Amino acid sequence: MTDFSVPFDNNQAERDLRVVKLRQKTSGCFRTAQGAANFCRLRSYISSVRKQGKPVLKALQRACQSRPLSLTS
């Protein structure tokens, strides 16, 4: 109750899930369980990069080169 840096609601979590539901709605379903897992892993990484205020494109380029950005520093 005293830490005002903590969001009052859980809208960010709902926004993160909305992308998955929209993808499922537009395509009907994921073709394979592995495809769904890959999509979720990629979206999770992008969401984390955005929350840390780092450039998404640079993070994806480095991840493809097996040099992902450190999200902790």
PDB file of N, CA and C in Angstrom:
ATOM      1  N   MET A   1       0.810  -1.189   0.000  1.00  0.00           N
ATOM      2  CA  MET A   1       0.000   0.000   0.000  1.00  0.00           C
ATOM      3  C   MET A   1       0.857   1.259   0.000  1.00  0.00           C
ATOM      4  N   THR A   2       2.115   1.166   0.399  1.00  0.00           N
ATOM      5  CA  THR A   2       2.945   2.357   0.451  1.00  0.00           C
ATOM      6  C   THR A   2       3.899   2.476  -0.729  1.00  0.00           C
ATOM      7  N   ASP A   3       4.084   1.401  -1.508  1.00  0.00           N
ATOM      8  CA  ASP A   3       4.982   1.429  -2.658  1.00  0.00           C
ATOM      9  C   ASP A   3       4.187   1.827  -3.903  1.00  0.00           C
ATOM     10  N   PHE A   4       4.290   3.093  -4.299  1.00  0.00           N
ATOM     11  CA  PHE A   4       3.501   3.607  -5.418  1.00  0.00           C
ATOM     12  C   PHE A   4       4.092   3.249  -6.773  1.00  0.00           C
ATOM     13  N   SER A   5       5.251   2.584  -6.799  1.00  0.00           N
ATOM     14  CA  SER A   5       5.808   2.150  -8.087  1.00  0.00           C
ATOM     15  C   SER A   5       5.138   0.870  -8.583  1.00  0.00           C
ATOM     16  N   VAL A   6       4.405   0.192  -7.709  1.00  0.00           N
ATOM     17  CA  VAL A   6       3.683  -1.020  -8.087  1.00  0.00           C
ATOM     18  C   VAL A   6       2.355  -0.603  -8.714  1.00  0.00           C
ATOM     19  N   PRO A   7       2.046  -1.123  -9.923  1.00  0.00           N
ATOM     20  CA  PRO A   7       0.784  -0.733 -10.568  1.00  0.00           C
ATOM     21  C   PRO A   7      -0.428  -1.116  -9.725  1.00  0.00           C
ATOM     22  N   PHE A   8      -1.454  -0.299  -9.829  1.00  0.00           N
ATOM     23  CA  PHE A   8      -2.674  -0.509  -9.055  1.00  0.00           C
ATOM     24  C   PHE A   8      -3.478  -1.691  -9.586  1.00  0.00           C
ATOM     25  N   ASP A   9      -3.350  -1.988 -10.865  1.00  0.00           N
ATOM     26  CA  ASP A   9      -4.136  -3.065 -11.479  1.00  0.00           C
ATOM     27  C   ASP A   9      -3.222  -4.042 -12.212  1.00  0.00           C
ATOM     28  N   ASN A  10      -3.826  -5.041 -12.826  1.00  0.00           N
ATOM     29  CA  ASN A  10      -3.036  -6.040 -13.554  1.00  0.00           C
ATOM     30  C   ASN A  10      -3.264  -5.903 -15.062  1.00  0.00           C
ATOM     31  N   ASN A  11      -3.492  -4.700 -15.536  1.00  0.00           N
ATOM     32  CA  ASN A  11      -3.745  -4.489 -16.954  1.00  0.00           C
ATOM     33  C   ASN A  11      -2.580  -4.930 -17.828  1.00  0.00           C
ATOM     34  N   GLN A  12      -1.354  -4.786 -17.367  1.00  0.00           N
ATOM     35  CA  GLN A  12      -0.211  -5.198 -18.182  1.00  0.00           C
ATOM     36  C   GLN A  12      -0.251  -6.699 -18.449  1.00  0.00           C
ATOM     37  N   ALA A  13      -0.591  -7.488 -17.468  1.00  0.00           N
ATOM     38  CA  ALA A  13      -0.695  -8.935 -17.672  1.00  0.00           C
ATOM     39  C   ALA A  13      -1.815  -9.256 -18.661  1.00  0.00           C
ATOM     40  N   GLU A  14      -2.900  -8.527 -18.571  1.00  0.00           N
ATOM     41  CA  GLU A  14      -4.001  -8.737 -19.506  1.00  0.00           C
ATOM     42  C   GLU A  14      -3.617  -8.329 -20.919  1.00  0.00           C
ATOM     43  N   ARG A  15      -2.845  -7.253 -21.051  1.00  0.00           N
ATOM     44  CA  ARG A  15      -2.385  -6.829 -22.370  1.00  0.00           C
ATOM     45  C   ARG A  15      -1.453  -7.868 -22.988  1.00  0.00           C
ATOM     46  N   ASP A  16      -0.614  -8.486 -22.178  1.00  0.00           N
ATOM     47  CA  ASP A  16       0.296  -9.515 -22.680  1.00  0.00           C
ATOM     48  C   ASP A  16      -0.470 -10.719 -23.207  1.00  0.00           C
ATOM     49  N   LEU A  17      -1.554 -11.081 -22.547  1.00  0.00           N
ATOM     50  CA  LEU A  17      -2.350 -12.227 -22.996  1.00  0.00           C
ATOM     51  C   LEU A  17      -3.225 -11.897 -24.198  1.00  0.00           C
ATOM     52  N   ARG A  18      -3.586 -10.644 -24.354  1.00  0.00           N
ATOM     53  CA  ARG A  18      -4.465 -10.245 -25.450  1.00  0.00           C
ATOM     54  C   ARG A  18      -3.868 -10.587 -26.813  1.00  0.00           C
ATOM     55  N   VAL A  19      -2.551 -10.457 -26.968  1.00  0.00           N
ATOM     56  CA  VAL A  19      -1.892 -10.753 -28.239  1.00  0.00           C
ATOM     57  C   VAL A  19      -2.068 -12.222 -28.601  1.00  0.00           C
ATOM     58  N   VAL A  20      -1.928 -13.103 -27.637  1.00  0.00           N
ATOM     59  CA  VAL A  20      -2.078 -14.531 -27.888  1.00  0.00           C
ATOM     60  C   VAL A  20      -3.515 -14.854 -28.280  1.00  0.00           C
ATOM     61  N   LYS A  21      -4.475 -14.282 -27.570  1.00  0.00           N
ATOM     62  CA  LYS A  21      -5.881 -14.532 -27.895  1.00  0.00           C
ATOM     63  C   LYS A  21      -6.237 -13.968 -29.275  1.00  0.00           C
ATOM     64  N   LEU A  22      -5.694 -12.818 -29.631  1.00  0.00           N
ATOM     65  CA  LEU A  22      -5.956 -12.243 -30.944  1.00  0.00           C
ATOM     66  C   LEU A  22      -5.372 -13.123 -32.040  1.00  0.00           C
ATOM     67  N   ARG A  23      -4.168 -13.606 -31.836  1.00  0.00           N
ATOM     68  CA  ARG A  23      -3.535 -14.506 -32.817  1.00  0.00           C
ATOM     69  C   ARG A  23      -4.368 -15.771 -32.981  1.00  0.00           C
ATOM     70  N   GLN A  24      -4.821 -16.331 -31.889  1.00  0.00           N
ATOM     71  CA  GLN A  24      -5.639 -17.534 -31.926  1.00  0.00           C
ATOM     72  C   GLN A  24      -6.972 -17.256 -32.636  1.00  0.00           C
ATOM     73  N   LYS A  25      -7.540 -16.084 -32.409  1.00  0.00           N
ATOM     74  CA  LYS A  25      -8.821 -15.731 -33.011  1.00  0.00           C
ATOM     75  C   LYS A  25      -8.695 -15.543 -34.522  1.00  0.00           C
ATOM     76  N   THR A  26      -7.637 -14.870 -34.978  1.00  0.00           N
ATOM     77  CA  THR A  26      -7.509 -14.584 -36.399  1.00  0.00           C
ATOM     78  C   THR A  26      -7.128 -15.813 -37.213  1.00  0.00           C
ATOM     79  N   SER A  27      -6.297 -16.679 -36.676  1.00  0.00           N
ATOM     80  CA  SER A  27      -5.877 -17.853 -37.439  1.00  0.00           C
ATOM     81  C   SER A  27      -6.701 -19.090 -37.093  1.00  0.00           C
ATOM     82  N   GLY A  28      -7.508 -19.024 -36.070  1.00  0.00           N
ATOM     83  CA  GLY A  28      -8.337 -20.166 -35.678  1.00  0.00           C
ATOM     84  C   GLY A  28      -7.683 -21.011 -34.603  1.00  0.00           C
ATOM     85  N   CYS A  29      -6.394 -21.264 -34.765  1.00  0.00           N
ATOM     86  CA  CYS A  29      -5.661 -22.059 -33.774  1.00  0.00           C
ATOM     87  C   CYS A  29      -4.190 -22.058 -34.147  1.00  0.00           C
ATOM     88  N   PHE A  30      -3.383 -22.600 -33.296  1.00  0.00           N
ATOM     89  CA  PHE A  30      -1.987 -22.847 -33.631  1.00  0.00           C
ATOM     90  C   PHE A  30      -1.916 -24.235 -34.251  1.00  0.00           C
ATOM     91  N   ARG A  31      -1.106 -24.407 -35.275  1.00  0.00           N
ATOM     92  CA  ARG A  31      -1.056 -25.689 -35.979  1.00  0.00           C
ATOM     93  C   ARG A  31      -0.432 -26.796 -35.137  1.00  0.00           C
ATOM     94  N   THR A  32       0.572 -26.443 -34.365  1.00  0.00           N
ATOM     95  CA  THR A  32       1.213 -27.444 -33.516  1.00  0.00           C
ATOM     96  C   THR A  32       1.443 -26.867 -32.123  1.00  0.00           C
ATOM     97  N   ALA A  33       1.630 -27.743 -31.179  1.00  0.00           N
ATOM     98  CA  ALA A  33       1.950 -27.305 -29.813  1.00  0.00           C
ATOM     99  C   ALA A  33       3.312 -26.618 -29.793  1.00  0.00           C
ATOM    100  N   GLN A  34       4.249 -27.102 -30.608  1.00  0.00           N
ATOM    101  CA  GLN A  34       5.576 -26.484 -30.667  1.00  0.00           C
ATOM    102  C   GLN A  34       5.484 -25.070 -31.252  1.00  0.00           C
ATOM    103  N   GLY A  35       4.627 -24.884 -32.253  1.00  0.00           N
ATOM    104  CA  GLY A  35       4.427 -23.550 -32.823  1.00  0.00           C
ATOM    105  C   GLY A  35       3.856 -22.585 -31.797  1.00  0.00           C
ATOM    106  N   ALA A  36       2.914 -23.052 -31.005  1.00  0.00           N
ATOM    107  CA  ALA A  36       2.340 -22.221 -29.949  1.00  0.00           C
ATOM    108  C   ALA A  36       3.394 -21.874 -28.902  1.00  0.00           C
ATOM    109  N   ALA A  37       4.213 -22.848 -28.544  1.00  0.00           N
ATOM    110  CA  ALA A  37       5.266 -22.615 -27.557  1.00  0.00           C
ATOM    111  C   ALA A  37       6.293 -21.606 -28.083  1.00  0.00           C
ATOM    112  N   ASN A  38       6.659 -21.731 -29.365  1.00  0.00           N
ATOM    113  CA  ASN A  38       7.611 -20.785 -29.965  1.00  0.00           C
ATOM    114  C   ASN A  38       7.036 -19.375 -29.999  1.00  0.00           C
ATOM    115  N   PHE A  39       5.761 -19.247 -30.366  1.00  0.00           N
ATOM    116  CA  PHE A  39       5.113 -17.943 -30.410  1.00  0.00           C
ATOM    117  C   PHE A  39       5.100 -17.313 -29.018  1.00  0.00           C
ATOM    118  N   CYS A  40       4.738 -18.084 -28.025  1.00  0.00           N
ATOM    119  CA  CYS A  40       4.685 -17.562 -26.649  1.00  0.00           C
ATOM    120  C   CYS A  40       6.065 -17.179 -26.136  1.00  0.00           C
ATOM    121  N   ARG A  41       7.059 -17.951 -26.473  1.00  0.00           N
ATOM    122  CA  ARG A  41       8.428 -17.637 -26.042  1.00  0.00           C
ATOM    123  C   ARG A  41       8.894 -16.325 -26.664  1.00  0.00           C
ATOM    124  N   LEU A  42       8.622 -16.142 -27.950  1.00  0.00           N
ATOM    125  CA  LEU A  42       9.013 -14.920 -28.639  1.00  0.00           C
ATOM    126  C   LEU A  42       8.270 -13.714 -28.083  1.00  0.00           C
ATOM    127  N   ARG A  43       6.959 -13.833 -27.879  1.00  0.00           N
ATOM    128  CA  ARG A  43       6.179 -12.730 -27.335  1.00  0.00           C
ATOM    129  C   ARG A  43       6.622 -12.380 -25.913  1.00  0.00           C
ATOM    130  N   SER A  44       6.979 -13.388 -25.139  1.00  0.00           N
ATOM    131  CA  SER A  44       7.450 -13.150 -23.779  1.00  0.00           C
ATOM    132  C   SER A  44       8.756 -12.356 -23.783  1.00  0.00           C
ATOM    133  N   TYR A  45       9.660 -12.722 -24.687  1.00  0.00           N
ATOM    134  CA  TYR A  45      10.945 -12.024 -24.791  1.00  0.00           C
ATOM    135  C   TYR A  45      10.715 -10.567 -25.206  1.00  0.00           C
ATOM    136  N   ILE A  46       9.864 -10.355 -26.210  1.00  0.00           N
ATOM    137  CA  ILE A  46       9.574  -8.998 -26.679  1.00  0.00           C
ATOM    138  C   ILE A  46       8.933  -8.173 -25.565  1.00  0.00           C
ATOM    139  N   SER A  47       8.005  -8.759 -24.843  1.00  0.00           N
ATOM    140  CA  SER A  47       7.349  -8.049 -23.746  1.00  0.00           C
ATOM    141  C   SER A  47       8.353  -7.662 -22.664  1.00  0.00           C
ATOM    142  N   SER A  48       9.255  -8.569 -22.332  1.00  0.00           N
ATOM    143  CA  SER A  48      10.268  -8.281 -21.313  1.00  0.00           C
ATOM    144  C   SER A  48      11.207  -7.170 -21.770  1.00  0.00           C
ATOM    145  N   VAL A  49      11.606  -7.208 -23.041  1.00  0.00           N
ATOM    146  CA  VAL A  49      12.490  -6.170 -23.576  1.00  0.00           C
ATOM    147  C   VAL A  49      11.808  -4.809 -23.498  1.00  0.00           C
ATOM    148  N   ARG A  50      10.536  -4.753 -23.892  1.00  0.00           N
ATOM    149  CA  ARG A  50       9.796  -3.487 -23.838  1.00  0.00           C
ATOM    150  C   ARG A  50       9.678  -2.970 -22.410  1.00  0.00           C
ATOM    151  N   LYS A  51       9.394  -3.858 -21.467  1.00  0.00           N
ATOM    152  CA  LYS A  51       9.240  -3.433 -20.068  1.00  0.00           C
ATOM    153  C   LYS A  51      10.538  -2.893 -19.503  1.00  0.00           C
ATOM    154  N   GLN A  52      11.674  -3.370 -20.021  1.00  0.00           N
ATOM    155  CA  GLN A  52      12.972  -2.885 -19.568  1.00  0.00           C
ATOM    156  C   GLN A  52      13.402  -1.611 -20.297  1.00  0.00           C
ATOM    157  N   GLY A  53      12.599  -1.188 -21.300  1.00  0.00           N
ATOM    158  CA  GLY A  53      12.908   0.035 -22.028  1.00  0.00           C
ATOM    159  C   GLY A  53      14.050  -0.103 -23.010  1.00  0.00           C
ATOM    160  N   LYS A  54      14.286  -1.313 -23.478  1.00  0.00           N
ATOM    161  CA  LYS A  54      15.378  -1.555 -24.425  1.00  0.00           C
ATOM    162  C   LYS A  54      14.807  -1.657 -25.839  1.00  0.00           C
ATOM    163  N   PRO A  55      15.648  -1.419 -26.868  1.00  0.00           N
ATOM    164  CA  PRO A  55      15.162  -1.480 -28.251  1.00  0.00           C
ATOM    165  C   PRO A  55      14.838  -2.912 -28.675  1.00  0.00           C
ATOM    166  N   VAL A  56      13.612  -3.124 -29.154  1.00  0.00           N
ATOM    167  CA  VAL A  56      13.132  -4.472 -29.487  1.00  0.00           C
ATOM    168  C   VAL A  56      13.882  -5.050 -30.676  1.00  0.00           C
ATOM    169  N   LEU A  57      14.046  -4.265 -31.740  1.00  0.00           N
ATOM    170  CA  LEU A  57      14.701  -4.783 -32.943  1.00  0.00           C
ATOM    171  C   LEU A  57      16.136  -5.216 -32.651  1.00  0.00           C
ATOM    172  N   LYS A  58      16.851  -4.403 -31.900  1.00  0.00           N
ATOM    173  CA  LYS A  58      18.230  -4.745 -31.535  1.00  0.00           C
ATOM    174  C   LYS A  58      18.253  -6.027 -30.698  1.00  0.00           C
ATOM    175  N   ALA A  59      17.306  -6.161 -29.789  1.00  0.00           N
ATOM    176  CA  ALA A  59      17.238  -7.352 -28.942  1.00  0.00           C
ATOM    177  C   ALA A  59      16.968  -8.595 -29.776  1.00  0.00           C
ATOM    178  N   LEU A  60      16.055  -8.485 -30.757  1.00  0.00           N
ATOM    179  CA  LEU A  60      15.756  -9.633 -31.620  1.00  0.00           C
ATOM    180  C   LEU A  60      16.942  -9.988 -32.507  1.00  0.00           C
ATOM    181  N   GLN A  61      17.627  -8.981 -33.036  1.00  0.00           N
ATOM    182  CA  GLN A  61      18.812  -9.235 -33.859  1.00  0.00           C
ATOM    183  C   GLN A  61      19.880  -9.959 -33.052  1.00  0.00           C
ATOM    184  N   ARG A  62      20.119  -9.491 -31.852  1.00  0.00           N
ATOM    185  CA  ARG A  62      21.135 -10.133 -31.008  1.00  0.00           C
ATOM    186  C   ARG A  62      20.721 -11.539 -30.594  1.00  0.00           C
ATOM    187  N   ALA A  63      19.423 -11.743 -30.348  1.00  0.00           N
ATOM    188  CA  ALA A  63      18.950 -13.081 -29.974  1.00  0.00           C
ATOM    189  C   ALA A  63      19.153 -14.058 -31.131  1.00  0.00           C
ATOM    190  N   CYS A  64      18.940 -13.592 -32.353  1.00  0.00           N
ATOM    191  CA  CYS A  64      19.157 -14.453 -33.532  1.00  0.00           C
ATOM    192  C   CYS A  64      20.633 -14.779 -33.731  1.00  0.00           C
ATOM    193  N   GLN A  65      21.505 -13.964 -33.180  1.00  0.00           N
ATOM    194  CA  GLN A  65      22.946 -14.197 -33.260  1.00  0.00           C
ATOM    195  C   GLN A  65      23.462 -14.933 -32.024  1.00  0.00           C
ATOM    196  N   SER A  66      22.543 -15.463 -31.237  1.00  0.00           N
ATOM    197  CA  SER A  66      22.867 -16.171 -29.980  1.00  0.00           C
ATOM    198  C   SER A  66      23.589 -15.262 -28.988  1.00  0.00           C
ATOM    199  N   ARG A  67      23.255 -13.972 -29.000  1.00  0.00           N
ATOM    200  CA  ARG A  67      23.790 -13.010 -28.036  1.00  0.00           C
ATOM    201  C   ARG A  67      22.652 -12.168 -27.484  1.00  0.00           C
ATOM    202  N   PRO A  68      21.692 -12.764 -26.765  1.00  0.00           N
ATOM    203  CA  PRO A  68      20.542 -11.986 -26.288  1.00  0.00           C
ATOM    204  C   PRO A  68      20.957 -10.880 -25.318  1.00  0.00           C
ATOM    205  N   LEU A  69      20.161  -9.815 -25.319  1.00  0.00           N
ATOM    206  CA  LEU A  69      20.403  -8.730 -24.369  1.00  0.00           C
ATOM    207  C   LEU A  69      20.192  -9.203 -22.957  1.00  0.00           C
ATOM    208  N   SER A  70      20.994  -8.706 -22.053  1.00  0.00           N
ATOM    209  CA  SER A  70      20.791  -9.004 -20.642  1.00  0.00           C
ATOM    210  C   SER A  70      19.665  -8.121 -20.124  1.00  0.00           C
ATOM    211  N   LEU A  71      18.615  -8.706 -19.629  1.00  0.00           N
ATOM    212  CA  LEU A  71      17.477  -7.941 -19.145  1.00  0.00           C
ATOM    213  C   LEU A  71      17.617  -7.585 -17.675  1.00  0.00           C
ATOM    214  N   THR A  72      18.683  -8.032 -17.033  1.00  0.00           N
ATOM    215  CA  THR A  72      18.862  -7.776 -15.617  1.00  0.00           C
ATOM    216  C   THR A  72      19.768  -6.595 -15.342  1.00  0.00           C
ATOM    217  N   SER A  73      20.530  -6.166 -16.320  1.00  0.00           N
ATOM    218  CA  SER A  73      21.464  -5.061 -16.067  1.00  0.00           C
ATOM    219  C   SER A  73      21.118  -3.839 -16.855  1.00  0.00           C
TER     220      SER A  73
END
